[in-house]
Protein backbone atom coordinates (compact mmCIF):
# COMPACT_ATOMS: atom_id res chain seq x y z
CA UNK A 1 21.97 10.96 1.12
CA UNK A 2 21.74 8.79 3.70
CA UNK A 3 18.43 9.30 5.53
CA UNK A 4 19.43 8.01 9.16
CA UNK A 5 22.28 10.85 9.39
CA UNK A 6 21.51 13.10 6.61
CA UNK A 7 24.60 12.90 5.07
CA UNK A 8 25.08 13.15 1.01
CA UNK A 9 28.04 11.87 -0.63
CA UNK A 10 29.27 12.17 -4.26
CA UNK A 11 30.46 9.28 -5.33
CA UNK A 12 31.89 8.31 -8.50
CA UNK A 13 32.92 5.41 -10.78
CA UNK A 14 34.96 5.31 -13.86
CA UNK A 15 35.10 9.18 -13.46
CA UNK A 16 30.84 9.63 -13.53
CA UNK A 17 28.74 10.42 -10.51
CA UNK A 18 26.38 7.59 -9.18
CA UNK A 19 23.06 8.57 -9.31
CA UNK A 20 20.93 8.59 -5.78
CA UNK A 21 18.10 6.54 -6.05
CA UNK A 22 15.05 6.39 -3.27
CA UNK A 23 14.90 2.43 -3.93
CA UNK A 24 16.86 -0.77 -5.95
CA UNK A 25 16.42 -4.30 -6.36
CA UNK A 26 18.75 -6.38 -4.62
CA UNK A 27 19.02 -10.47 -4.83
CA UNK A 28 15.36 -9.73 -6.04
CA UNK A 29 14.14 -7.83 -3.39
CA UNK A 30 13.23 -4.00 -3.45
CA UNK A 31 15.10 -2.31 -0.47
CA UNK A 32 14.15 1.79 0.39
CA UNK A 33 16.40 4.46 0.83
CA UNK A 34 15.67 4.11 4.48
CA UNK A 35 16.83 0.30 4.54
CA UNK A 36 13.47 -1.16 5.18
CA UNK A 37 11.41 -3.42 2.58
CA UNK A 38 7.78 -2.73 3.62
CA UNK A 39 6.53 -2.67 0.58
CA UNK A 40 8.52 -5.82 -0.99
CA UNK A 41 7.31 -7.92 1.92
CA UNK A 42 3.61 -6.49 1.25
CA UNK A 43 3.65 -7.15 -2.38
CA UNK A 44 5.15 -10.96 -1.65
CA UNK A 45 2.46 -11.64 0.87
CA UNK A 46 0.05 -10.73 -1.61
CA UNK A 47 1.41 -13.10 -4.12
CA UNK A 48 1.55 -16.05 -1.76
CA UNK A 49 -1.67 -15.56 -0.67
CA UNK A 50 -2.74 -15.44 -4.44
CA UNK A 51 -0.94 -18.82 -5.10
CA UNK A 52 -2.42 -20.63 -1.83
CA UNK A 53 -5.80 -19.49 -2.91
CA UNK A 54 -5.31 -21.24 -6.74
CA UNK A 55 -3.88 -24.27 -4.70
CA UNK A 56 -7.49 -24.50 -2.45
CA UNK A 57 -9.39 -24.04 -5.52
CA UNK A 58 -7.97 -26.92 -7.44
């Protein structure tokens, strides 16, 4: 289902229906069903903040 238009599509590949998911990884980034990546951005910010804190301590 596309959350922007509320349309569901049955897509098959090699005769098997593809599973609908709420999130997936694309080039290392987690994308949500609605197309946003807010959660991934928060995680990356936390990782970079922790890395910067380690550099300052050293």
